[in-house]
Protein backbone atom coordinates (compact mmCIF):
# COMPACT_ATOMS: atom_id res chain seq x y z
CA MET A 1 -48.59 54.68 -71.57
CA VAL A 2 -48.74 54.28 -75.34
CA LYS A 3 -47.01 51.40 -77.18
CA PRO A 4 -43.46 51.84 -78.39
CA VAL A 5 -42.88 52.73 -82.01
CA LYS A 6 -41.84 49.49 -83.75
CA LYS A 7 -43.31 49.91 -87.24
CA ALA A 8 -42.41 52.25 -90.07
CA VAL A 9 -44.12 53.07 -93.35
CA PHE A 10 -42.05 54.01 -96.45
CA PRO A 11 -44.21 55.57 -99.22
CA VAL A 12 -42.18 54.65 -102.36
CA GLY A 13 -44.86 54.71 -105.09
CA GLY A 14 -43.90 58.05 -106.73
CA LEU A 15 -42.66 58.25 -110.29
CA GLY A 16 -39.68 60.52 -109.81
CA THR A 17 -40.32 62.53 -112.97
CA ARG A 18 -37.81 65.23 -111.98
CA PHE A 19 -35.01 62.71 -112.50
CA LEU A 20 -35.94 61.44 -115.92
CA PRO A 21 -34.48 59.70 -117.81
CA ALA A 22 -32.59 58.09 -114.90
CA THR A 23 -35.88 57.09 -113.22
CA LYS A 24 -37.49 55.70 -116.41
CA ALA A 25 -36.71 52.12 -115.36
CA LEU A 26 -35.12 52.74 -111.91
CA PRO A 27 -37.21 53.75 -108.88
CA LYS A 28 -36.13 57.18 -107.63
CA GLU A 29 -35.70 55.66 -104.15
CA MET A 30 -32.94 53.51 -105.62
CA LEU A 31 -30.87 56.49 -106.77
CA PRO A 32 -27.52 56.22 -104.96
CA VAL A 33 -26.02 58.80 -102.60
CA VAL A 34 -22.31 57.85 -102.82
CA ASP A 35 -22.74 54.05 -102.90
CA LYS A 36 -26.00 53.46 -101.11
CA PRO A 37 -29.59 53.95 -102.43
CA LEU A 38 -31.81 56.54 -100.76
CA ILE A 39 -34.29 53.93 -99.49
CA GLN A 40 -31.44 52.07 -97.65
CA TYR A 41 -30.51 55.22 -95.77
CA ALA A 42 -34.12 55.51 -94.69
CA VAL A 43 -34.38 51.91 -93.51
CA GLU A 44 -31.10 52.13 -91.62
CA GLU A 45 -32.26 55.29 -89.89
CA ALA A 46 -35.46 53.51 -88.89
CA ARG A 47 -33.57 50.46 -87.57
CA ALA A 48 -31.31 52.80 -85.50
CA ALA A 49 -34.50 54.20 -83.99
CA GLY A 50 -35.71 50.76 -82.86
CA ILE A 51 -38.02 50.01 -85.75
CA GLU A 52 -38.57 46.28 -86.26
CA GLU A 53 -41.18 46.09 -89.01
CA PHE A 54 -40.76 47.82 -92.35
CA ILE A 55 -43.79 48.46 -94.57
CA PHE A 56 -43.22 49.67 -98.13
CA VAL A 57 -46.16 51.23 -100.03
CA THR A 58 -45.10 50.70 -103.64
CA GLY A 59 -46.40 51.14 -107.17
CA ARG A 60 -45.79 49.78 -110.66
CA GLY A 61 -42.11 49.39 -111.60
CA LYS A 62 -40.80 49.26 -108.01
CA SER A 63 -39.70 45.63 -107.87
CA ALA A 64 -36.07 46.73 -107.62
CA ILE A 65 -36.79 47.89 -104.04
CA GLU A 66 -38.11 44.45 -103.08
CA ASP A 67 -35.09 42.85 -104.70
CA HIS A 68 -32.72 45.20 -102.87
CA PHE A 69 -34.06 44.05 -99.49
CA ASP A 70 -33.69 40.41 -100.38
CA HIS A 71 -30.78 37.99 -100.66
CA SER A 72 -28.91 37.90 -103.96
CA PHE A 73 -27.64 34.33 -103.85
CA GLU A 74 -25.59 34.65 -107.01
CA LEU A 75 -23.79 37.75 -105.66
CA GLU A 76 -23.26 36.20 -102.23
CA ALA A 77 -21.86 33.04 -103.78
CA LEU A 78 -19.50 35.06 -105.96
CA LEU A 79 -18.23 37.13 -102.98
CA LYS A 80 -17.69 33.95 -100.95
CA GLU A 81 -15.85 32.28 -103.86
CA ARG A 82 -13.54 35.21 -104.22
CA GLY A 83 -12.78 35.44 -100.49
CA LYS A 84 -14.43 38.82 -100.05
CA THR A 85 -15.65 38.04 -96.56
CA ALA A 86 -15.90 41.65 -95.40
CA GLU A 87 -17.97 42.67 -98.44
CA LEU A 88 -20.18 39.60 -97.92
CA GLU A 89 -20.85 40.36 -94.22
CA ALA A 90 -21.49 44.06 -95.06
CA GLN A 91 -23.95 43.06 -97.69
CA LYS A 92 -25.97 41.04 -95.18
CA ALA A 93 -25.66 43.39 -92.21
CA TRP A 94 -28.08 46.10 -93.32
CA MET A 95 -30.94 43.88 -94.43
CA PRO A 96 -33.93 43.48 -92.09
CA PRO A 97 -34.42 39.93 -90.81
CA ALA A 98 -36.70 37.54 -92.71
CA GLY A 99 -40.34 38.25 -92.20
CA HIS A 100 -39.85 41.83 -91.05
CA THR A 101 -40.64 43.59 -94.36
CA ALA A 102 -44.02 43.88 -96.07
CA TYR A 103 -45.15 45.33 -99.39
CA THR A 104 -48.44 46.80 -100.45
CA ARG A 105 -49.39 48.75 -103.53
CA GLN A 106 -50.80 52.25 -103.81
CA GLN A 107 -52.83 51.54 -106.94
CA GLU A 108 -53.60 55.17 -107.68
CA PRO A 109 -51.38 58.24 -107.15
CA LEU A 110 -53.80 60.02 -104.76
CA GLY A 111 -51.28 61.66 -102.46
CA LEU A 112 -49.17 61.02 -99.39
CA GLY A 113 -52.15 60.63 -97.11
CA HIS A 114 -53.56 57.94 -99.36
CA ALA A 115 -50.19 56.15 -99.47
CA VAL A 116 -50.04 56.03 -95.65
CA TRP A 117 -53.71 54.85 -95.50
CA CYS A 118 -52.77 51.93 -97.77
CA ALA A 119 -50.59 50.63 -94.93
CA ARG A 120 -53.39 50.67 -92.30
CA ASN A 121 -53.83 46.90 -92.04
CA PHE A 122 -50.15 46.38 -91.21
CA ILE A 123 -50.21 49.04 -88.44
CA GLU A 124 -53.45 48.17 -86.62
CA ASP A 125 -53.57 50.01 -83.24
CA GLU A 126 -49.94 50.99 -82.76
CA PRO A 127 -48.13 54.27 -83.17
CA PHE A 128 -45.88 54.18 -86.23
CA ALA A 129 -43.27 56.14 -88.14
CA VAL A 130 -43.40 57.46 -91.71
CA LEU A 131 -40.15 58.14 -93.54
CA LEU A 132 -39.88 59.75 -96.96
CA ALA A 133 -36.71 58.57 -98.62
CA ASP A 134 -36.36 61.84 -100.66
CA ASP A 135 -35.55 63.61 -97.39
CA LEU A 136 -32.09 62.57 -96.32
CA VAL A 137 -30.83 63.78 -93.01
CA LEU A 138 -27.15 63.92 -92.06
CA ALA A 139 -27.04 63.81 -88.24
CA GLU A 140 -24.82 62.39 -85.48
CA LYS A 141 -27.95 60.99 -83.81
CA PRO A 142 -30.39 59.75 -86.50
CA CYS A 143 -33.32 62.04 -86.95
CA LEU A 144 -35.97 59.38 -86.22
CA ARG A 145 -34.12 58.37 -83.07
CA GLN A 146 -34.37 61.98 -81.91
CA MET A 147 -38.11 61.91 -82.62
CA VAL A 148 -38.70 58.63 -80.78
CA GLU A 149 -37.24 60.22 -77.68
CA VAL A 150 -39.64 63.16 -78.00
CA HIS A 151 -42.52 60.73 -78.55
CA GLU A 152 -41.59 58.80 -75.39
CA ARG A 153 -41.76 62.08 -73.41
CA THR A 154 -44.90 63.54 -74.97
CA GLN A 155 -46.83 60.28 -75.61
CA GLY A 156 -48.26 61.57 -78.88
CA ASN A 157 -47.70 62.60 -82.46
CA VAL A 158 -44.34 64.11 -83.50
CA VAL A 159 -43.20 65.62 -86.78
CA ALA A 160 -39.71 66.83 -87.74
CA VAL A 161 -39.56 70.48 -88.70
CA MET A 162 -37.15 73.06 -90.02
CA ASP A 163 -37.40 76.77 -90.74
CA VAL A 164 -37.54 77.58 -94.47
CA PRO A 165 -37.59 80.95 -96.32
CA ARG A 166 -41.07 82.35 -96.26
CA GLU A 167 -41.23 82.27 -100.00
CA HIS A 168 -40.93 78.51 -99.88
CA THR A 169 -43.85 77.74 -97.49
CA SER A 170 -46.03 76.76 -100.44
CA ARG A 171 -43.89 73.65 -100.81
CA TYR A 172 -44.49 72.32 -97.29
CA GLY A 173 -46.93 71.53 -94.49
CA VAL A 174 -46.46 74.53 -92.15
CA VAL A 175 -46.87 74.57 -88.36
CA ASP A 176 -48.89 77.02 -86.33
CA PRO A 177 -46.58 76.97 -83.28
CA GLY A 178 -47.58 77.09 -79.65
CA GLU A 179 -45.51 76.64 -76.51
CA VAL A 180 -41.81 76.03 -77.03
CA ASP A 181 -39.75 73.66 -74.84
CA GLY A 182 -36.22 73.59 -76.21
CA ASP A 183 -36.28 71.83 -79.57
CA CYS A 184 -39.84 70.66 -79.04
CA VAL A 185 -42.74 72.92 -80.19
CA GLU A 186 -46.37 72.45 -79.40
CA ILE A 187 -48.49 72.38 -82.60
CA ARG A 188 -51.69 74.42 -82.52
CA GLY A 189 -52.45 73.94 -86.27
CA LEU A 190 -51.09 72.66 -89.56
CA VAL A 191 -51.64 74.09 -93.03
CA GLU A 192 -50.68 72.28 -96.22
CA LYS A 193 -48.69 74.35 -98.78
CA PRO A 194 -49.92 77.82 -97.73
CA ALA A 195 -49.09 80.90 -99.73
CA PRO A 196 -46.27 82.85 -98.06
CA GLU A 197 -48.65 85.64 -96.96
CA ASP A 198 -50.98 83.07 -95.36
CA ALA A 199 -48.40 80.82 -93.68
CA PRO A 200 -48.78 80.83 -89.83
CA SER A 201 -44.96 80.48 -89.52
CA THR A 202 -41.96 79.35 -91.47
CA LEU A 203 -41.65 76.20 -89.41
CA SER A 204 -42.16 73.44 -91.99
CA VAL A 205 -42.62 69.67 -91.84
CA ILE A 206 -40.05 67.45 -93.55
CA GLY A 207 -40.46 63.74 -94.32
CA ARG A 208 -40.35 62.27 -90.85
CA TYR A 209 -43.43 61.57 -88.80
CA ILE A 210 -44.45 59.56 -85.75
CA LEU A 211 -48.21 59.15 -85.81
CA MET A 212 -50.87 57.69 -83.60
CA PRO A 213 -53.10 55.12 -85.33
CA GLN A 214 -56.13 57.38 -85.00
CA VAL A 215 -54.86 59.19 -88.09
CA PHE A 216 -56.41 56.45 -90.17
CA ASP A 217 -59.88 57.39 -88.97
CA HIS A 218 -59.42 60.71 -90.74
CA LEU A 219 -57.57 59.37 -93.80
CA GLU A 220 -60.45 56.88 -94.21
CA LYS A 221 -62.69 59.77 -95.25
CA GLY A 222 -60.68 60.28 -98.42
CA GLU A 223 -61.07 64.06 -98.32
CA ARG A 224 -59.06 65.90 -101.01
CA GLY A 225 -56.85 68.85 -100.21
CA ALA A 226 -54.08 70.80 -101.89
CA GLY A 227 -53.40 69.50 -105.40
CA ASN A 228 -56.70 67.60 -105.24
CA GLU A 229 -54.80 64.93 -103.34
CA ILE A 230 -55.48 63.16 -100.01
CA GLN A 231 -53.02 65.12 -97.88
CA LEU A 232 -51.52 63.56 -94.74
CA THR A 233 -51.25 67.09 -93.26
CA ASP A 234 -54.96 67.60 -93.34
CA SER A 235 -55.68 64.44 -91.39
CA MET A 236 -52.95 65.29 -88.85
CA ALA A 237 -54.48 68.69 -88.38
CA GLN A 238 -57.80 67.11 -87.41
CA MET A 239 -56.08 65.31 -84.55
CA ILE A 240 -54.72 68.49 -82.95
CA GLY A 241 -56.48 69.18 -79.70
CA HIS A 242 -57.49 65.57 -79.29
CA GLN A 243 -54.01 64.14 -78.79
CA PRO A 244 -50.55 65.52 -77.95
CA PHE A 245 -49.03 66.92 -81.07
CA HIS A 246 -45.48 68.32 -81.24
CA ALA A 247 -42.89 69.47 -83.79
CA HIS A 248 -39.23 68.57 -83.22
CA ARG A 249 -36.49 70.90 -84.44
CA PHE A 250 -34.09 68.08 -85.29
CA GLU A 251 -30.36 68.29 -85.10
CA GLY A 252 -28.73 67.65 -88.48
CA ILE A 253 -28.74 68.77 -92.08
CA ARG A 254 -31.62 67.82 -94.34
CA PHE A 255 -31.11 67.31 -98.06
CA ASP A 256 -34.09 67.35 -100.45
CA CYS A 257 -33.03 64.52 -102.70
CA GLY A 258 -36.21 64.88 -104.75
CA ASP A 259 -34.47 68.00 -106.18
CA LYS A 260 -31.39 67.74 -108.42
CA VAL A 261 -29.41 70.32 -106.57
CA GLY A 262 -30.29 68.81 -103.19
CA PHE A 263 -29.34 65.39 -104.47
CA LEU A 264 -25.94 66.60 -105.67
CA GLN A 265 -25.38 68.38 -102.37
CA ALA A 266 -26.13 65.20 -100.46
CA ASN A 267 -23.62 63.20 -102.51
CA ILE A 268 -20.87 65.70 -101.72
CA ALA A 269 -21.80 65.99 -98.03
CA PHE A 270 -22.04 62.24 -97.45
CA ALA A 271 -18.78 61.68 -99.41
CA LEU A 272 -17.00 64.17 -97.17
CA GLU A 273 -18.17 62.14 -94.12
CA ARG A 274 -16.26 59.11 -95.45
CA GLU A 275 -12.61 58.78 -94.50
CA ASP A 276 -11.91 56.79 -97.67
CA LEU A 277 -13.36 59.50 -99.93
CA ARG A 278 -12.83 62.80 -98.08
CA GLY A 279 -9.34 63.46 -99.36
CA GLY A 280 -10.11 62.92 -102.99
CA VAL A 281 -13.35 64.91 -102.94
CA THR A 282 -11.81 67.76 -100.97
CA SER A 283 -8.92 67.94 -103.41
CA PHE A 284 -11.30 67.95 -106.37
CA LEU A 285 -13.41 70.74 -104.95
CA LYS A 286 -10.36 72.86 -104.20
CA ASP A 287 -9.09 72.40 -107.74
CA LEU A 288 -12.34 73.47 -109.36
CA ASP A 289 -12.11 76.78 -111.21
CA LEU A 290 -15.51 78.30 -110.72
CA SER A 291 -14.59 81.78 -111.92
């Protein structure tokens, strides 16, 4: 019986150049979808999956993330003074308890695998989750909660996957699928960013992972892959055949918020989920003249 998944890593060191100039001074993970930054959605999803320790792998200029997950005594005092009790309680409700967050820096932009490796001393010998805030999933049951349930059944590594158009496989880590059991697919191999003609399938990994700690043994080697970066996919591929490894076709809609169109789609979709916003947004969309 493996240990339960209680720790999560959030790689947040990227520069977000596709959103310049907005991200010149603001971390891309702090871009809001409706009224909540992307990184808060990721942390809330992790908490809903039973995560208790939150490890952020940051870089230069990311202090706003640390400030966001800390108390703002001036703001809290102002809300209390003005009698905004509901807003004050809501402000406190989503923050992890004191001592449950940790921050470490990825001092060089050497890829996702390197970012995860930077968190190794916080993970030690436990299975852990990795969440990429750019990938926002709208789901009735949080995506990571679905994956934890698969992990509990399979006792191994789990990645969230979705089918993509074959011409887009060069953007993803792609699964070589084996036996299928409902929404759970055995992984026989993984290829990082294959050309469409070389892709073993169109089943592609999105930014949700549950990994066994042995992945650090492979990341430790610092081997470069696609883009001359240390790819997480390459180290995961080396674990296949030695540990259970499955892909989960998650229930929900994934939005690529690292892309401007995906980010705008997410804002509309999440606004339509809100009773206080649905009417106004629906009315606006109906009134648009797109001819």
